Amino acid sequence: MHHCKKFYGVGTIGEKGQIVVPIEARDELKIKTGDKFVFFGVGPMLHMIEVEKLNEFLEKVTTFSSQVDKIKKSVQEKIKESK
């Protein structure tokens, strides 16, 4: 996965609340017209994440969490058996 820490420029918020993303960012990150984003506020910072990328991340987290739960149950059973 590409983790880019780069300054792309300044965007502008228009009268209707629309954000203009700098063209270099759109090109490099392959952001197209119609792409949907989820916005999160963390303190004074605003983060935007493409919906598809967020869905992929949440699927991975859910799968990992399920695997951890299975391991946890297995360990707990082994502990009970050893008593």
PDB file of N, CA and C in Angstrom:
ATOM      1  N   MET A   1       0.841  -1.177   0.000  1.00  0.00           N
ATOM      2  CA  MET A   1       0.000   0.000   0.000  1.00  0.00           C
ATOM      3  C   MET A   1       0.885   1.237   0.000  1.00  0.00           C
ATOM      4  N   HIS A   2       0.496   2.219  -0.730  1.00  0.00           N
ATOM      5  CA  HIS A   2       1.246   3.459  -0.892  1.00  0.00           C
ATOM      6  C   HIS A   2       0.896   4.409   0.252  1.00  0.00           C
ATOM      7  N   HIS A   3       1.880   4.810   1.036  1.00  0.00           N
ATOM      8  CA  HIS A   3       1.666   5.770   2.112  1.00  0.00           C
ATOM      9  C   HIS A   3       2.426   7.044   1.769  1.00  0.00           C
ATOM     10  N   CYS A   4       1.724   8.006   1.232  1.00  0.00           N
ATOM     11  CA  CYS A   4       2.343   9.228   0.769  1.00  0.00           C
ATOM     12  C   CYS A   4       2.190  10.329   1.804  1.00  0.00           C
ATOM     13  N   LYS A   5       3.303  10.892   2.217  1.00  0.00           N
ATOM     14  CA  LYS A   5       3.279  12.061   3.089  1.00  0.00           C
ATOM     15  C   LYS A   5       3.805  13.202   2.245  1.00  0.00           C
ATOM     16  N   LYS A   6       2.888  13.938   1.667  1.00  0.00           N
ATOM     17  CA  LYS A   6       3.284  14.942   0.693  1.00  0.00           C
ATOM     18  C   LYS A   6       2.339  16.131   0.777  1.00  0.00           C
ATOM     19  N   PHE A   7       2.875  17.296   0.581  1.00  0.00           N
ATOM     20  CA  PHE A   7       2.058  18.502   0.509  1.00  0.00           C
ATOM     21  C   PHE A   7       1.663  18.723  -0.948  1.00  0.00           C
ATOM     22  N   TYR A   8       0.358  18.788  -1.196  1.00  0.00           N
ATOM     23  CA  TYR A   8      -0.132  18.937  -2.563  1.00  0.00           C
ATOM     24  C   TYR A   8      -0.514  20.368  -2.918  1.00  0.00           C
ATOM     25  N   GLY A   9      -0.681  21.208  -1.938  1.00  0.00           N
ATOM     26  CA  GLY A   9      -1.115  22.562  -2.222  1.00  0.00           C
ATOM     27  C   GLY A   9      -2.287  22.911  -1.337  1.00  0.00           C
ATOM     28  N   VAL A  10      -3.036  23.915  -1.731  1.00  0.00           N
ATOM     29  CA  VAL A  10      -4.154  24.410  -0.935  1.00  0.00           C
ATOM     30  C   VAL A  10      -5.443  24.196  -1.711  1.00  0.00           C
ATOM     31  N   GLY A  11      -6.453  23.676  -1.025  1.00  0.00           N
ATOM     32  CA  GLY A  11      -7.778  23.528  -1.622  1.00  0.00           C
ATOM     33  C   GLY A  11      -8.665  24.656  -1.126  1.00  0.00           C
ATOM     34  N   THR A  12      -9.781  24.831  -1.781  1.00  0.00           N
ATOM     35  CA  THR A  12     -10.696  25.906  -1.424  1.00  0.00           C
ATOM     36  C   THR A  12     -12.080  25.332  -1.165  1.00  0.00           C
ATOM     37  N   ILE A  13     -12.773  25.870  -0.174  1.00  0.00           N
ATOM     38  CA  ILE A  13     -14.158  25.480   0.082  1.00  0.00           C
ATOM     39  C   ILE A  13     -15.046  26.545  -0.540  1.00  0.00           C
ATOM     40  N   GLY A  14     -15.907  26.118  -1.435  1.00  0.00           N
ATOM     41  CA  GLY A  14     -16.793  27.047  -2.125  1.00  0.00           C
ATOM     42  C   GLY A  14     -18.021  27.394  -1.311  1.00  0.00           C
ATOM     43  N   GLU A  15     -18.866  28.230  -1.885  1.00  0.00           N
ATOM     44  CA  GLU A  15     -20.073  28.708  -1.211  1.00  0.00           C
ATOM     45  C   GLU A  15     -21.011  27.568  -0.825  1.00  0.00           C
ATOM     46  N   LYS A  16     -21.029  26.502  -1.599  1.00  0.00           N
ATOM     47  CA  LYS A  16     -21.905  25.359  -1.322  1.00  0.00           C
ATOM     48  C   LYS A  16     -21.227  24.319  -0.429  1.00  0.00           C
ATOM     49  N   GLY A  17     -20.034  24.629   0.089  1.00  0.00           N
ATOM     50  CA  GLY A  17     -19.326  23.691   0.959  1.00  0.00           C
ATOM     51  C   GLY A  17     -18.501  22.663   0.210  1.00  0.00           C
ATOM     52  N   GLN A  18     -18.393  22.798  -1.090  1.00  0.00           N
ATOM     53  CA  GLN A  18     -17.607  21.867  -1.880  1.00  0.00           C
ATOM     54  C   GLN A  18     -16.125  22.166  -1.719  1.00  0.00           C
ATOM     55  N   ILE A  19     -15.330  21.091  -1.637  1.00  0.00           N
ATOM     56  CA  ILE A  19     -13.884  21.237  -1.482  1.00  0.00           C
ATOM     57  C   ILE A  19     -13.218  20.993  -2.827  1.00  0.00           C
ATOM     58  N   VAL A  20     -12.346  21.899  -3.214  1.00  0.00           N
ATOM     59  CA  VAL A  20     -11.567  21.727  -4.433  1.00  0.00           C
ATOM     60  C   VAL A  20     -10.240  21.078  -4.036  1.00  0.00           C
ATOM     61  N   VAL A  21     -10.016  19.870  -4.534  1.00  0.00           N
ATOM     62  CA  VAL A  21      -8.777  19.138  -4.244  1.00  0.00           C
ATOM     63  C   VAL A  21      -7.767  19.503  -5.328  1.00  0.00           C
ATOM     64  N   PRO A  22      -6.545  19.877  -4.952  1.00  0.00           N
ATOM     65  CA  PRO A  22      -5.534  20.249  -5.952  1.00  0.00           C
ATOM     66  C   PRO A  22      -5.344  19.151  -7.006  1.00  0.00           C
ATOM     67  N   ILE A  23      -5.137  19.572  -8.236  1.00  0.00           N
ATOM     68  CA  ILE A  23      -5.045  18.631  -9.360  1.00  0.00           C
ATOM     69  C   ILE A  23      -3.918  17.614  -9.177  1.00  0.00           C
ATOM     70  N   GLU A  24      -2.789  18.031  -8.621  1.00  0.00           N
ATOM     71  CA  GLU A  24      -1.685  17.087  -8.416  1.00  0.00           C
ATOM     72  C   GLU A  24      -2.119  15.947  -7.494  1.00  0.00           C
ATOM     73  N   ALA A  25      -2.880  16.268  -6.464  1.00  0.00           N
ATOM     74  CA  ALA A  25      -3.387  15.240  -5.544  1.00  0.00           C
ATOM     75  C   ALA A  25      -4.373  14.332  -6.265  1.00  0.00           C
ATOM     76  N   ARG A  26      -5.278  14.935  -7.047  1.00  0.00           N
ATOM     77  CA  ARG A  26      -6.264  14.131  -7.776  1.00  0.00           C
ATOM     78  C   ARG A  26      -5.578  13.177  -8.746  1.00  0.00           C
ATOM     79  N   ASP A  27      -4.583  13.677  -9.452  1.00  0.00           N
ATOM     80  CA  ASP A  27      -3.874  12.833 -10.424  1.00  0.00           C
ATOM     81  C   ASP A  27      -3.108  11.709  -9.730  1.00  0.00           C
ATOM     82  N   GLU A  28      -2.305  12.058  -8.733  1.00  0.00           N
ATOM     83  CA  GLU A  28      -1.448  11.075  -8.077  1.00  0.00           C
ATOM     84  C   GLU A  28      -2.258  10.036  -7.298  1.00  0.00           C
ATOM     85  N   LEU A  29      -3.344  10.487  -6.674  1.00  0.00           N
ATOM     86  CA  LEU A  29      -4.161   9.579  -5.865  1.00  0.00           C
ATOM     87  C   LEU A  29      -5.324   8.982  -6.650  1.00  0.00           C
ATOM     88  N   LYS A  30      -5.374   9.297  -7.939  1.00  0.00           N
ATOM     89  CA  LYS A  30      -6.395   8.769  -8.853  1.00  0.00           C
ATOM     90  C   LYS A  30      -7.817   9.066  -8.364  1.00  0.00           C
ATOM     91  N   ILE A  31      -8.038  10.304  -7.924  1.00  0.00           N
ATOM     92  CA  ILE A  31      -9.358  10.748  -7.486  1.00  0.00           C
ATOM     93  C   ILE A  31     -10.107  11.252  -8.715  1.00  0.00           C
ATOM     94  N   LYS A  32     -11.302  10.684  -8.922  1.00  0.00           N
ATOM     95  CA  LYS A  32     -12.090  11.033 -10.103  1.00  0.00           C
ATOM     96  C   LYS A  32     -13.398  11.708  -9.692  1.00  0.00           C
ATOM     97  N   THR A  33     -13.999  12.413 -10.617  1.00  0.00           N
ATOM     98  CA  THR A  33     -15.314  12.998 -10.403  1.00  0.00           C
ATOM     99  C   THR A  33     -16.276  11.885 -10.014  1.00  0.00           C
ATOM    100  N   GLY A  34     -17.040  12.111  -8.967  1.00  0.00           N
ATOM    101  CA  GLY A  34     -18.023  11.120  -8.524  1.00  0.00           C
ATOM    102  C   GLY A  34     -17.523  10.198  -7.421  1.00  0.00           C
ATOM    103  N   ASP A  35     -16.197  10.182  -7.171  1.00  0.00           N
ATOM    104  CA  ASP A  35     -15.678   9.373  -6.066  1.00  0.00           C
ATOM    105  C   ASP A  35     -16.289   9.883  -4.764  1.00  0.00           C
ATOM    106  N   LYS A  36     -16.573   8.961  -3.856  1.00  0.00           N
ATOM    107  CA  LYS A  36     -17.178   9.329  -2.583  1.00  0.00           C
ATOM    108  C   LYS A  36     -16.171   9.178  -1.452  1.00  0.00           C
ATOM    109  N   PHE A  37     -16.241  10.088  -0.497  1.00  0.00           N
ATOM    110  CA  PHE A  37     -15.323  10.097   0.633  1.00  0.00           C
ATOM    111  C   PHE A  37     -16.099  10.181   1.935  1.00  0.00           C
ATOM    112  N   VAL A  38     -15.494   9.640   2.981  1.00  0.00           N
ATOM    113  CA  VAL A  38     -16.002   9.750   4.341  1.00  0.00           C
ATOM    114  C   VAL A  38     -15.088  10.747   5.045  1.00  0.00           C
ATOM    115  N   PHE A  39     -15.663  11.612   5.850  1.00  0.00           N
ATOM    116  CA  PHE A  39     -14.884  12.636   6.545  1.00  0.00           C
ATOM    117  C   PHE A  39     -14.911  12.373   8.046  1.00  0.00           C
ATOM    118  N   PHE A  40     -13.723  12.440   8.670  1.00  0.00           N
ATOM    119  CA  PHE A  40     -13.582  12.273  10.107  1.00  0.00           C
ATOM    120  C   PHE A  40     -12.878  13.502  10.667  1.00  0.00           C
ATOM    121  N   GLY A  41     -13.346  13.966  11.805  1.00  0.00           N
ATOM    122  CA  GLY A  41     -12.665  15.053  12.492  1.00  0.00           C
ATOM    123  C   GLY A  41     -11.905  14.483  13.674  1.00  0.00           C
ATOM    124  N   VAL A  42     -10.633  14.818  13.764  1.00  0.00           N
ATOM    125  CA  VAL A  42      -9.801  14.421  14.898  1.00  0.00           C
ATOM    126  C   VAL A  42      -9.173  15.701  15.424  1.00  0.00           C
ATOM    127  N   GLY A  43      -9.690  16.164  16.574  1.00  0.00           N
ATOM    128  CA  GLY A  43      -9.236  17.452  17.080  1.00  0.00           C
ATOM    129  C   GLY A  43      -9.537  18.511  16.041  1.00  0.00           C
ATOM    130  N   PRO A  44      -8.563  19.351  15.738  1.00  0.00           N
ATOM    131  CA  PRO A  44      -8.807  20.411  14.756  1.00  0.00           C
ATOM    132  C   PRO A  44      -8.565  19.952  13.315  1.00  0.00           C
ATOM    133  N   MET A  45      -8.280  18.653  13.118  1.00  0.00           N
ATOM    134  CA  MET A  45      -7.925  18.170  11.778  1.00  0.00           C
ATOM    135  C   MET A  45      -9.087  17.437  11.128  1.00  0.00           C
ATOM    136  N   LEU A  46      -9.216  17.556   9.822  1.00  0.00           N
ATOM    137  CA  LEU A  46     -10.238  16.875   9.038  1.00  0.00           C
ATOM    138  C   LEU A  46      -9.532  15.855   8.149  1.00  0.00           C
ATOM    139  N   HIS A  47      -9.998  14.616   8.205  1.00  0.00           N
ATOM    140  CA  HIS A  47      -9.428  13.557   7.369  1.00  0.00           C
ATOM    141  C   HIS A  47     -10.499  13.077   6.403  1.00  0.00           C
ATOM    142  N   MET A  48     -10.116  12.854   5.173  1.00  0.00           N
ATOM    143  CA  MET A  48     -11.054  12.301   4.198  1.00  0.00           C
ATOM    144  C   MET A  48     -10.488  10.985   3.683  1.00  0.00           C
ATOM    145  N   ILE A  49     -11.362   9.983   3.638  1.00  0.00           N
ATOM    146  CA  ILE A  49     -10.958   8.652   3.205  1.00  0.00           C
ATOM    147  C   ILE A  49     -11.952   8.189   2.150  1.00  0.00           C
ATOM    148  N   GLU A  50     -11.433   7.690   1.040  1.00  0.00           N
ATOM    149  CA  GLU A  50     -12.298   7.194  -0.020  1.00  0.00           C
ATOM    150  C   GLU A  50     -13.141   6.039   0.521  1.00  0.00           C
ATOM    151  N   VAL A  51     -14.428   6.048   0.230  1.00  0.00           N
ATOM    152  CA  VAL A  51     -15.358   5.049   0.760  1.00  0.00           C
ATOM    153  C   VAL A  51     -14.873   3.632   0.467  1.00  0.00           C
ATOM    154  N   GLU A  52     -14.435   3.369  -0.745  1.00  0.00           N
ATOM    155  CA  GLU A  52     -13.974   2.009  -1.103  1.00  0.00           C
ATOM    156  C   GLU A  52     -12.782   1.588  -0.254  1.00  0.00           C
ATOM    157  N   LYS A  53     -11.838   2.500  -0.034  1.00  0.00           N
ATOM    158  CA  LYS A  53     -10.658   2.184   0.784  1.00  0.00           C
ATOM    159  C   LYS A  53     -11.068   1.927   2.228  1.00  0.00           C
ATOM    160  N   LEU A  54     -12.034   2.709   2.735  1.00  0.00           N
ATOM    161  CA  LEU A  54     -12.512   2.503   4.095  1.00  0.00           C
ATOM    162  C   LEU A  54     -13.191   1.144   4.211  1.00  0.00           C
ATOM    163  N   ASN A  55     -14.004   0.780   3.217  1.00  0.00           N
ATOM    164  CA  ASN A  55     -14.665  -0.525   3.233  1.00  0.00           C
ATOM    165  C   ASN A  55     -13.644  -1.662   3.225  1.00  0.00           C
ATOM    166  N   GLU A  56     -12.592  -1.540   2.414  1.00  0.00           N
ATOM    167  CA  GLU A  56     -11.531  -2.557   2.375  1.00  0.00           C
ATOM    168  C   GLU A  56     -10.851  -2.664   3.739  1.00  0.00           C
ATOM    169  N   PHE A  57     -10.552  -1.525   4.354  1.00  0.00           N
ATOM    170  CA  PHE A  57      -9.909  -1.507   5.662  1.00  0.00           C
ATOM    171  C   PHE A  57     -10.802  -2.158   6.717  1.00  0.00           C
ATOM    172  N   LEU A  58     -12.077  -1.789   6.727  1.00  0.00           N
ATOM    173  CA  LEU A  58     -12.997  -2.348   7.718  1.00  0.00           C
ATOM    174  C   LEU A  58     -13.163  -3.858   7.548  1.00  0.00           C
ATOM    175  N   GLU A  59     -13.149  -4.330   6.314  1.00  0.00           N
ATOM    176  CA  GLU A  59     -13.231  -5.776   6.060  1.00  0.00           C
ATOM    177  C   GLU A  59     -12.010  -6.488   6.637  1.00  0.00           C
ATOM    178  N   LYS A  60     -10.832  -5.911   6.435  1.00  0.00           N
ATOM    179  CA  LYS A  60      -9.605  -6.506   6.979  1.00  0.00           C
ATOM    180  C   LYS A  60      -9.624  -6.507   8.497  1.00  0.00           C
ATOM    181  N   VAL A  61     -10.073  -5.392   9.099  1.00  0.00           N
ATOM    182  CA  VAL A  61     -10.138  -5.301  10.556  1.00  0.00           C
ATOM    183  C   VAL A  61     -11.124  -6.332  11.098  1.00  0.00           C
ATOM    184  N   THR A  62     -12.269  -6.478  10.448  1.00  0.00           N
ATOM    185  CA  THR A  62     -13.275  -7.445  10.886  1.00  0.00           C
ATOM    186  C   THR A  62     -12.723  -8.865  10.821  1.00  0.00           C
ATOM    187  N   THR A  63     -12.037  -9.200   9.738  1.00  0.00           N
ATOM    188  CA  THR A  63     -11.434 -10.532   9.590  1.00  0.00           C
ATOM    189  C   THR A  63     -10.377 -10.758  10.662  1.00  0.00           C
ATOM    190  N   PHE A  64      -9.519  -9.775  10.883  1.00  0.00           N
ATOM    191  CA  PHE A  64      -8.466  -9.886  11.894  1.00  0.00           C
ATOM    192  C   PHE A  64      -9.079 -10.047  13.285  1.00  0.00           C
ATOM    193  N   SER A  65     -10.101  -9.249  13.574  1.00  0.00           N
ATOM    194  CA  SER A  65     -10.771  -9.313  14.873  1.00  0.00           C
ATOM    195  C   SER A  65     -11.374 -10.694  15.096  1.00  0.00           C
ATOM    196  N   SER A  66     -11.964 -11.260  14.077  1.00  0.00           N
ATOM    197  CA  SER A  66     -12.549 -12.598  14.167  1.00  0.00           C
ATOM    198  C   SER A  66     -11.471 -13.637  14.465  1.00  0.00           C
ATOM    199  N   GLN A  67     -10.323 -13.510  13.809  1.00  0.00           N
ATOM    200  CA  GLN A  67      -9.213 -14.432  14.041  1.00  0.00           C
ATOM    201  C   GLN A  67      -8.689 -14.299  15.465  1.00  0.00           C
ATOM    202  N   VAL A  68      -8.589 -13.076  15.963  1.00  0.00           N
ATOM    203  CA  VAL A  68      -8.117 -12.836  17.326  1.00  0.00           C
ATOM    204  C   VAL A  68      -9.102 -13.440  18.327  1.00  0.00           C
ATOM    205  N   ASP A  69     -10.401 -13.290  18.070  1.00  0.00           N
ATOM    206  CA  ASP A  69     -11.415 -13.872  18.956  1.00  0.00           C
ATOM    207  C   ASP A  69     -11.270 -15.393  19.033  1.00  0.00           C
ATOM    208  N   LYS A  70     -11.027 -16.040  17.889  1.00  0.00           N
ATOM    209  CA  LYS A  70     -10.852 -17.501  17.866  1.00  0.00           C
ATOM    210  C   LYS A  70      -9.628 -17.910  18.685  1.00  0.00           C
ATOM    211  N   ILE A  71      -8.539 -17.181  18.528  1.00  0.00           N
ATOM    212  CA  ILE A  71      -7.314 -17.476  19.285  1.00  0.00           C
ATOM    213  C   ILE A  71      -7.566 -17.275  20.776  1.00  0.00           C
ATOM    214  N   LYS A  72      -8.237 -16.190  21.116  1.00  0.00           N
ATOM    215  CA  LYS A  72      -8.545 -15.889  22.521  1.00  0.00           C
ATOM    216  C   LYS A  72      -9.361 -17.024  23.142  1.00  0.00           C
ATOM    217  N   LYS A  73     -10.398 -17.485  22.451  1.00  0.00           N
ATOM    218  CA  LYS A  73     -11.233 -18.578  22.961  1.00  0.00           C
ATOM    219  C   LYS A  73     -10.416 -19.853  23.121  1.00  0.00           C
ATOM    220  N   SER A  74      -9.564 -20.127  22.169  1.00  0.00           N
ATOM    221  CA  SER A  74      -8.719 -21.322  22.226  1.00  0.00           C
ATOM    222  C   SER A  74      -7.785 -21.263  23.436  1.00  0.00           C
ATOM    223  N   VAL A  75      -7.178 -20.123  23.654  1.00  0.00           N
ATOM    224  CA  VAL A  75      -6.269 -19.948  24.794  1.00  0.00           C
ATOM    225  C   VAL A  75      -7.039 -20.098  26.098  1.00  0.00           C
ATOM    226  N   GLN A  76      -8.210 -19.488  26.183  1.00  0.00           N
ATOM    227  CA  GLN A  76      -9.020 -19.589  27.397  1.00  0.00           C
ATOM    228  C   GLN A  76      -9.411 -21.038  27.686  1.00  0.00           C
ATOM    229  N   GLU A  77      -9.734 -21.791  26.633  1.00  0.00           N
ATOM    230  CA  GLU A  77     -10.083 -23.207  26.808  1.00  0.00           C
ATOM    231  C   GLU A  77      -8.872 -24.011  27.316  1.00  0.00           C
ATOM    232  N   LYS A  78      -7.708 -23.723  26.771  1.00  0.00           N
ATOM    233  CA  LYS A  78      -6.491 -24.426  27.201  1.00  0.00           C
ATOM    234  C   LYS A  78      -6.194 -24.133  28.667  1.00  0.00           C
ATOM    235  N   ILE A  79      -6.417 -22.876  29.070  1.00  0.00           N
ATOM    236  CA  ILE A  79      -6.184 -22.490  30.463  1.00  0.00           C
ATOM    237  C   ILE A  79      -7.144 -23.237  31.389  1.00  0.00           C
ATOM    238  N   LYS A  80      -8.417 -23.311  30.991  1.00  0.00           N
ATOM    239  CA  LYS A  80      -9.405 -24.035  31.798  1.00  0.00           C
ATOM    240  C   LYS A  80      -9.056 -25.514  31.898  1.00  0.00           C
ATOM    241  N   GLU A  81      -8.598 -26.103  30.804  1.00  0.00           N
ATOM    242  CA  GLU A  81      -8.239 -27.527  30.784  1.00  0.00           C
ATOM    243  C   GLU A  81      -7.043 -27.831  31.674  1.00  0.00           C
ATOM    244  N   SER A  82      -6.147 -26.874  31.816  1.00  0.00           N
ATOM    245  CA  SER A  82      -4.931 -27.102  32.581  1.00  0.00           C
ATOM    246  C   SER A  82      -5.147 -26.961  34.091  1.00  0.00           C
ATOM    247  N   LYS A  83      -6.312 -26.504  34.503  1.00  0.00           N
ATOM    248  CA  LYS A  83      -6.587 -26.327  35.945  1.00  0.00           C
ATOM    249  C   LYS A  83      -6.999 -27.615  36.598  1.00  0.00           C
TER     250      LYS A  83
END
